[in-house]
PDB file of N, CA and C in Angstrom:
ATOM      1  N   MET A   1     -49.760  49.619   7.100  1.00  0.00           N
ATOM      2  CA  MET A   1     -49.011  48.982   8.030  1.00  0.00           C
ATOM      3  C   MET A   1     -49.878  48.010   8.866  1.00  0.00           C
ATOM      4  N   ALA A   2     -49.194  47.116   9.415  1.00  0.00           N
ATOM      5  CA  ALA A   2     -49.596  46.092  10.405  1.00  0.00           C
ATOM      6  C   ALA A   2     -50.040  46.657  11.728  1.00  0.00           C
ATOM      7  N   GLN A   3     -51.084  46.037  12.306  1.00  0.00           N
ATOM      8  CA  GLN A   3     -51.504  46.520  13.622  1.00  0.00           C
ATOM      9  C   GLN A   3     -50.558  45.982  14.604  1.00  0.00           C
ATOM     10  N   SER A   4     -50.091  46.492  15.334  1.00  0.00           N
ATOM     11  CA  SER A   4     -49.095  45.971  16.221  1.00  0.00           C
ATOM     12  C   SER A   4     -49.475  46.443  17.735  1.00  0.00           C
ATOM     13  N   GLY A   5     -50.476  46.555  18.095  1.00  0.00           N
ATOM     14  CA  GLY A   5     -51.126  46.825  19.444  1.00  0.00           C
ATOM     15  C   GLY A   5     -50.680  47.959  20.156  1.00  0.00           C
ATOM     16  N   LYS A   6     -50.281  48.996  19.522  1.00  0.00           N
ATOM     17  CA  LYS A   6     -49.899  50.511  20.026  1.00  0.00           C
ATOM     18  C   LYS A   6     -51.123  50.845  20.774  1.00  0.00           C
ATOM     19  N   GLY A   7     -52.177  50.772  20.417  1.00  0.00           N
ATOM     20  CA  GLY A   7     -53.458  51.305  21.107  1.00  0.00           C
ATOM     21  C   GLY A   7     -54.553  50.577  20.839  1.00  0.00           C
ATOM     22  N   LYS A   8     -55.748  51.311  20.991  1.00  0.00           N
ATOM     23  CA  LYS A   8     -57.164  50.552  20.717  1.00  0.00           C
ATOM     24  C   LYS A   8     -57.199  50.400  19.247  1.00  0.00           C
ATOM     25  N   LEU A   9     -56.835  51.108  18.285  1.00  0.00           N
ATOM     26  CA  LEU A   9     -56.739  50.782  16.957  1.00  0.00           C
ATOM     27  C   LEU A   9     -55.625  51.839  16.346  1.00  0.00           C
ATOM     28  N   ASN A  10     -54.926  51.318  15.526  1.00  0.00           N
ATOM     29  CA  ASN A  10     -53.984  52.187  14.865  1.00  0.00           C
ATOM     30  C   ASN A  10     -54.491  53.020  13.725  1.00  0.00           C
ATOM     31  N   TYR A  11     -54.269  54.266  13.725  1.00  0.00           N
ATOM     32  CA  TYR A  11     -54.962  55.144  12.744  1.00  0.00           C
ATOM     33  C   TYR A  11     -53.676  55.881  12.057  1.00  0.00           C
ATOM     34  N   ARG A  12     -53.746  56.274  10.771  1.00  0.00           N
ATOM     35  CA  ARG A  12     -52.802  57.048  10.224  1.00  0.00           C
ATOM     36  C   ARG A  12     -52.569  58.663  10.732  1.00  0.00           C
ATOM     37  N   CYS A  13     -51.327  59.141  10.875  1.00  0.00           N
ATOM     38  CA  CYS A  13     -51.292  60.235  11.122  1.00  0.00           C
ATOM     39  C   CYS A  13     -51.798  61.261  10.017  1.00  0.00           C
ATOM     40  N   PRO A  14     -52.930  62.129  10.131  1.00  0.00           N
ATOM     41  CA  PRO A  14     -53.176  63.220   8.932  1.00  0.00           C
ATOM     42  C   PRO A  14     -52.373  63.839   8.527  1.00  0.00           C
ATOM     43  N   SER A  15     -51.332  64.526   9.459  1.00  0.00           N
ATOM     44  CA  SER A  15     -50.416  65.460   8.874  1.00  0.00           C
ATOM     45  C   SER A  15     -49.490  64.960   8.183  1.00  0.00           C
ATOM     46  N   CYS A  16     -48.769  63.548   8.629  1.00  0.00           N
ATOM     47  CA  CYS A  16     -47.792  62.860   7.668  1.00  0.00           C
ATOM     48  C   CYS A  16     -48.567  62.384   6.495  1.00  0.00           C
ATOM     49  N   PHE A  17     -49.811  61.779   6.537  1.00  0.00           N
ATOM     50  CA  PHE A  17     -50.526  61.106   5.304  1.00  0.00           C
ATOM     51  C   PHE A  17     -50.724  62.383   4.426  1.00  0.00           C
ATOM     52  N   MET A  18     -50.980  63.605   4.442  1.00  0.00           N
ATOM     53  CA  MET A  18     -51.208  64.773   3.543  1.00  0.00           C
ATOM     54  C   MET A  18     -49.838  64.759   2.924  1.00  0.00           C
ATOM     55  N   ARG A  19     -48.783  64.472   3.452  1.00  0.00           N
ATOM     56  CA  ARG A  19     -47.460  64.603   2.913  1.00  0.00           C
ATOM     57  C   ARG A  19     -47.101  63.284   2.119  1.00  0.00           C
ATOM     58  N   ASP A  20     -47.898  62.323   1.801  1.00  0.00           N
ATOM     59  CA  ASP A  20     -47.680  61.064   1.386  1.00  0.00           C
ATOM     60  C   ASP A  20     -46.728  60.179   2.384  1.00  0.00           C
ATOM     61  N   LEU A  21     -46.781  60.206   3.612  1.00  0.00           N
ATOM     62  CA  LEU A  21     -46.112  59.347   4.696  1.00  0.00           C
ATOM     63  C   LEU A  21     -47.082  58.456   5.383  1.00  0.00           C
ATOM     64  N   ASP A  22     -46.814  57.329   5.427  1.00  0.00           N
ATOM     65  CA  ASP A  22     -47.734  56.320   5.968  1.00  0.00           C
ATOM     66  C   ASP A  22     -47.086  56.236   7.399  1.00  0.00           C
ATOM     67  N   ILE A  23     -47.643  56.795   8.433  1.00  0.00           N
ATOM     68  CA  ILE A  23     -47.106  56.806   9.732  1.00  0.00           C
ATOM     69  C   ILE A  23     -48.337  56.442  10.633  1.00  0.00           C
ATOM     70  N   ASP A  24     -48.177  55.411  11.347  1.00  0.00           N
ATOM     71  CA  ASP A  24     -49.036  54.956  12.609  1.00  0.00           C
ATOM     72  C   ASP A  24     -49.057  55.965  13.754  1.00  0.00           C
ATOM     73  N   MET A  25     -50.092  56.275  14.357  1.00  0.00           N
ATOM     74  CA  MET A  25     -50.121  56.863  15.697  1.00  0.00           C
ATOM     75  C   MET A  25     -50.104  56.089  16.601  1.00  0.00           C
ATOM     76  N   PHE A  26     -49.699  56.559  17.684  1.00  0.00           N
ATOM     77  CA  PHE A  26     -49.594  56.122  19.083  1.00  0.00           C
ATOM     78  C   PHE A  26     -50.860  56.465  20.018  1.00  0.00           C
ATOM     79  N   TYR A  27     -51.038  55.529  20.997  1.00  0.00           N
ATOM     80  CA  TYR A  27     -52.173  56.337  21.869  1.00  0.00           C
ATOM     81  C   TYR A  27     -51.887  56.262  23.246  1.00  0.00           C
ATOM     82  N   ASP A  28     -51.972  57.506  23.705  1.00  0.00           N
ATOM     83  CA  ASP A  28     -51.870  57.733  25.228  1.00  0.00           C
ATOM     84  C   ASP A  28     -53.051  57.612  25.943  1.00  0.00           C
ATOM     85  N   LYS A  29     -52.958  56.541  26.761  1.00  0.00           N
ATOM     86  CA  LYS A  29     -54.251  56.264  27.606  1.00  0.00           C
ATOM     87  C   LYS A  29     -54.558  57.276  28.683  1.00  0.00           C
ATOM     88  N   GLU A  30     -53.355  57.711  29.365  1.00  0.00           N
ATOM     89  CA  GLU A  30     -53.642  58.780  30.415  1.00  0.00           C
ATOM     90  C   GLU A  30     -54.340  60.168  29.863  1.00  0.00           C
ATOM     91  N   LYS A  31     -53.944  60.526  28.665  1.00  0.00           N
ATOM     92  CA  LYS A  31     -54.600  61.826  28.049  1.00  0.00           C
ATOM     93  C   LYS A  31     -55.755  61.647  27.161  1.00  0.00           C
ATOM     94  N   ASP A  32     -56.071  60.132  27.011  1.00  0.00           N
ATOM     95  CA  ASP A  32     -56.971  59.645  25.796  1.00  0.00           C
ATOM     96  C   ASP A  32     -56.922  60.411  24.537  1.00  0.00           C
ATOM     97  N   GLU A  33     -55.671  60.236  24.205  1.00  0.00           N
ATOM     98  CA  GLU A  33     -55.491  61.030  22.575  1.00  0.00           C
ATOM     99  C   GLU A  33     -54.431  60.227  21.934  1.00  0.00           C
ATOM    100  N   TYR A  34     -54.371  60.485  20.599  1.00  0.00           N
ATOM    101  CA  TYR A  34     -53.310  59.785  19.871  1.00  0.00           C
ATOM    102  C   TYR A  34     -52.143  60.930  19.520  1.00  0.00           C
ATOM    103  N   TYR A  35     -50.966  60.273  19.175  1.00  0.00           N
ATOM    104  CA  TYR A  35     -50.036  61.241  18.776  1.00  0.00           C
ATOM    105  C   TYR A  35     -49.111  60.674  17.810  1.00  0.00           C
ATOM    106  N   CYS A  36     -48.306  61.529  17.024  1.00  0.00           N
ATOM    107  CA  CYS A  36     -47.464  60.646  16.012  1.00  0.00           C
ATOM    108  C   CYS A  36     -46.064  61.059  16.665  1.00  0.00           C
ATOM    109  N   ILE A  37     -45.192  60.104  16.309  1.00  0.00           N
ATOM    110  CA  ILE A  37     -43.781  60.228  16.740  1.00  0.00           C
ATOM    111  C   ILE A  37     -42.685  60.779  15.823  1.00  0.00           C
ATOM    112  N   ARG A  38     -43.482  61.142  14.594  1.00  0.00           N
ATOM    113  CA  ARG A  38     -42.671  61.855  13.613  1.00  0.00           C
ATOM    114  C   ARG A  38     -42.917  63.319  13.437  1.00  0.00           C
ATOM    115  N   CYS A  39     -44.208  63.734  13.817  1.00  0.00           N
ATOM    116  CA  CYS A  39     -44.603  65.215  13.794  1.00  0.00           C
ATOM    117  C   CYS A  39     -45.023  65.448  15.020  1.00  0.00           C
ATOM    118  N   GLN A  40     -45.531  66.898  15.284  1.00  0.00           N
ATOM    119  CA  GLN A  40     -46.038  67.151  16.476  1.00  0.00           C
ATOM    120  C   GLN A  40     -47.687  67.003  16.827  1.00  0.00           C
ATOM    121  N   TYR A  41     -48.172  66.239  15.752  1.00  0.00           N
ATOM    122  CA  TYR A  41     -49.653  66.173  15.775  1.00  0.00           C
ATOM    123  C   TYR A  41     -50.203  65.499  16.811  1.00  0.00           C
ATOM    124  N   THR A  42     -51.128  66.058  17.667  1.00  0.00           N
ATOM    125  CA  THR A  42     -51.820  65.066  18.547  1.00  0.00           C
ATOM    126  C   THR A  42     -53.467  65.354  18.380  1.00  0.00           C
ATOM    127  N   GLY A  43     -54.197  64.468  18.702  1.00  0.00           N
ATOM    128  CA  GLY A  43     -55.711  64.528  18.692  1.00  0.00           C
ATOM    129  C   GLY A  43     -56.375  63.354  19.162  1.00  0.00           C
ATOM    130  N   ASN A  44     -57.770  63.760  19.646  1.00  0.00           N
ATOM    131  CA  ASN A  44     -58.601  62.703  20.144  1.00  0.00           C
ATOM    132  C   ASN A  44     -59.030  61.701  18.868  1.00  0.00           C
ATOM    133  N   GLU A  45     -59.718  60.982  18.969  1.00  0.00           N
ATOM    134  CA  GLU A  45     -60.031  59.885  18.089  1.00  0.00           C
ATOM    135  C   GLU A  45     -60.756  60.457  17.082  1.00  0.00           C
ATOM    136  N   LYS A  46     -61.840  61.432  17.534  1.00  0.00           N
ATOM    137  CA  LYS A  46     -62.753  61.990  16.613  1.00  0.00           C
ATOM    138  C   LYS A  46     -62.124  62.860  15.644  1.00  0.00           C
ATOM    139  N   ASP A  47     -61.122  63.687  16.270  1.00  0.00           N
ATOM    140  CA  ASP A  47     -60.527  64.455  15.392  1.00  0.00           C
ATOM    141  C   ASP A  47     -59.518  63.849  14.433  1.00  0.00           C
ATOM    142  N   VAL A  48     -59.009  62.770  14.793  1.00  0.00           N
ATOM    143  CA  VAL A  48     -58.027  62.046  13.808  1.00  0.00           C
ATOM    144  C   VAL A  48     -59.029  61.442  12.667  1.00  0.00           C
ATOM    145  N   LEU A  49     -60.121  60.697  13.021  1.00  0.00           N
ATOM    146  CA  LEU A  49     -60.922  60.146  11.980  1.00  0.00           C
ATOM    147  C   LEU A  49     -61.484  61.195  10.869  1.00  0.00           C
ATOM    148  N   GLU A  50     -61.850  62.496  11.535  1.00  0.00           N
ATOM    149  CA  GLU A  50     -62.314  63.547  10.640  1.00  0.00           C
ATOM    150  C   GLU A  50     -61.257  64.074   9.599  1.00  0.00           C
ATOM    151  N   LYS A  51     -59.922  64.112  10.041  1.00  0.00           N
ATOM    152  CA  LYS A  51     -58.970  64.771   9.359  1.00  0.00           C
ATOM    153  C   LYS A  51     -58.514  63.443   8.266  1.00  0.00           C
ATOM    154  N   ASN A  52     -58.603  62.312   8.816  1.00  0.00           N
ATOM    155  CA  ASN A  52     -58.485  61.228   7.850  1.00  0.00           C
ATOM    156  C   ASN A  52     -59.342  61.057   6.711  1.00  0.00           C
ATOM    157  N   GLU A  53     -60.637  61.531   6.909  1.00  0.00           N
ATOM    158  CA  GLU A  53     -61.526  61.398   5.775  1.00  0.00           C
ATOM    159  C   GLU A  53     -61.169  62.507   4.736  1.00  0.00           C
ATOM    160  N   MET A  54     -60.898  63.681   5.355  1.00  0.00           N
ATOM    161  CA  MET A  54     -60.474  64.965   4.400  1.00  0.00           C
ATOM    162  C   MET A  54     -59.173  64.534   3.693  1.00  0.00           C
ATOM    163  N   VAL A  55     -58.326  63.530   4.310  1.00  0.00           N
ATOM    164  CA  VAL A  55     -57.238  63.301   3.344  1.00  0.00           C
ATOM    165  C   VAL A  55     -57.568  62.127   2.313  1.00  0.00           C
ATOM    166  N   ARG A  56     -58.713  61.321   2.616  1.00  0.00           N
ATOM    167  CA  ARG A  56     -59.237  60.394   1.650  1.00  0.00           C
ATOM    168  C   ARG A  56     -59.869  60.974   0.458  1.00  0.00           C
ATOM    169  N   PHE A  57     -60.279  62.185   0.511  1.00  0.00           N
ATOM    170  CA  PHE A  57     -60.860  63.037  -0.558  1.00  0.00           C
ATOM    171  C   PHE A  57     -59.684  63.110  -1.781  1.00  0.00           C
ATOM    172  N   ARG A  58     -58.369  63.014  -1.306  1.00  0.00           N
ATOM    173  CA  ARG A  58     -57.383  63.207  -2.291  1.00  0.00           C
ATOM    174  C   ARG A  58     -57.389  62.023  -3.203  1.00  0.00           C
ATOM    175  N   TYR A  59     -57.733  60.792  -2.621  1.00  0.00           N
ATOM    176  CA  TYR A  59     -57.314  59.422  -3.310  1.00  0.00           C
ATOM    177  C   TYR A  59     -58.767  59.068  -3.705  1.00  0.00           C
ATOM    178  N   ARG A  60     -59.835  59.662  -3.713  1.00  0.00           N
ATOM    179  CA  ARG A  60     -61.015  59.040  -4.212  1.00  0.00           C
ATOM    180  C   ARG A  60     -61.133  58.555  -5.681  1.00  0.00           C
ATOM    181  N   ALA A  61     -60.431  59.046  -6.396  1.00  0.00           N
ATOM    182  CA  ALA A  61     -60.476  58.460  -7.905  1.00  0.00           C
ATOM    183  C   ALA A  61     -59.201  57.664  -8.250  1.00  0.00           C
ATOM    184  N   MET A  62     -58.439  57.131  -7.328  1.00  0.00           N
ATOM    185  CA  MET A  62     -57.207  56.545  -7.496  1.00  0.00           C
ATOM    186  C   MET A  62     -57.358  55.263  -8.347  1.00  0.00           C
ATOM    187  N   THR A  63     -58.596  54.445  -7.983  1.00  0.00           N
ATOM    188  CA  THR A  63     -58.773  53.295  -8.787  1.00  0.00           C
ATOM    189  C   THR A  63     -59.472  53.293  -9.937  1.00  0.00           C
ATOM    190  N   GLU A  64     -59.847  54.529 -10.267  1.00  0.00           N
ATOM    191  CA  GLU A  64     -60.680  54.783 -11.748  1.00  0.00           C
ATOM    192  C   GLU A  64     -59.777  55.106 -12.883  1.00  0.00           C
ATOM    193  N   ARG A  65     -60.029  54.583 -13.815  1.00  0.00           N
ATOM    194  CA  ARG A  65     -59.361  54.737 -15.023  1.00  0.00           C
ATOM    195  C   ARG A  65     -60.138  56.054 -15.967  1.00  0.00           C
ATOM    196  N   ILE A  66     -59.376  57.361 -15.864  1.00  0.00           N
ATOM    197  CA  ILE A  66     -59.990  58.393 -16.499  1.00  0.00           C
ATOM    198  C   ILE A  66     -59.535  58.397 -18.078  1.00  0.00           C
ATOM    199  N   THR A  67     -60.805  58.398 -18.765  1.00  0.00           N
ATOM    200  CA  THR A  67     -60.349  58.231 -20.334  1.00  0.00           C
ATOM    201  C   THR A  67     -60.821  59.552 -21.119  1.00  0.00           C
ATOM    202  N   LYS A  68     -61.926  60.245 -20.581  1.00  0.00           N
ATOM    203  CA  LYS A  68     -62.536  61.397 -21.197  1.00  0.00           C
ATOM    204  C   LYS A  68     -62.115  62.672 -20.375  1.00  0.00           C
ATOM    205  N   PHE A  69     -61.606  63.461 -20.882  1.00  0.00           N
ATOM    206  CA  PHE A  69     -61.432  65.014 -20.320  1.00  0.00           C
ATOM    207  C   PHE A  69     -62.213  65.899 -20.902  1.00  0.00           C
ATOM    208  N   ASP A  70     -62.773  66.683 -20.142  1.00  0.00           N
ATOM    209  CA  ASP A  70     -63.960  67.821 -20.366  1.00  0.00           C
ATOM    210  C   ASP A  70     -63.423  69.063 -20.770  1.00  0.00           C
ATOM    211  N   PHE A  71     -61.949  69.177 -21.029  1.00  0.00           N
ATOM    212  CA  PHE A  71     -61.525  70.564 -21.205  1.00  0.00           C
ATOM    213  C   PHE A  71     -61.034  70.448 -22.864  1.00  0.00           C
ATOM    214  N   ASP A  72     -61.369  69.021 -23.614  1.00  0.00           N
ATOM    215  CA  ASP A  72     -61.012  69.140 -25.140  1.00  0.00           C
ATOM    216  C   ASP A  72     -62.028  69.791 -25.847  1.00  0.00           C
TER     217      ASP A  72
END
């Protein structure tokens, strides 16, 4: 999704991204936290980055072509 100036930097909501939804989070300057308008997830920048790294584990081999299977 394009950066639209909603906060310092747009991050994907980790909760929605785990369900294959690409939802940008909004930033609340008063609370210094990010929140999702689709689900109830809120968190600071460190928490959001850690959870997004966990989600990226799921897609680590997305661009590799798998030709050998070890269970044969």
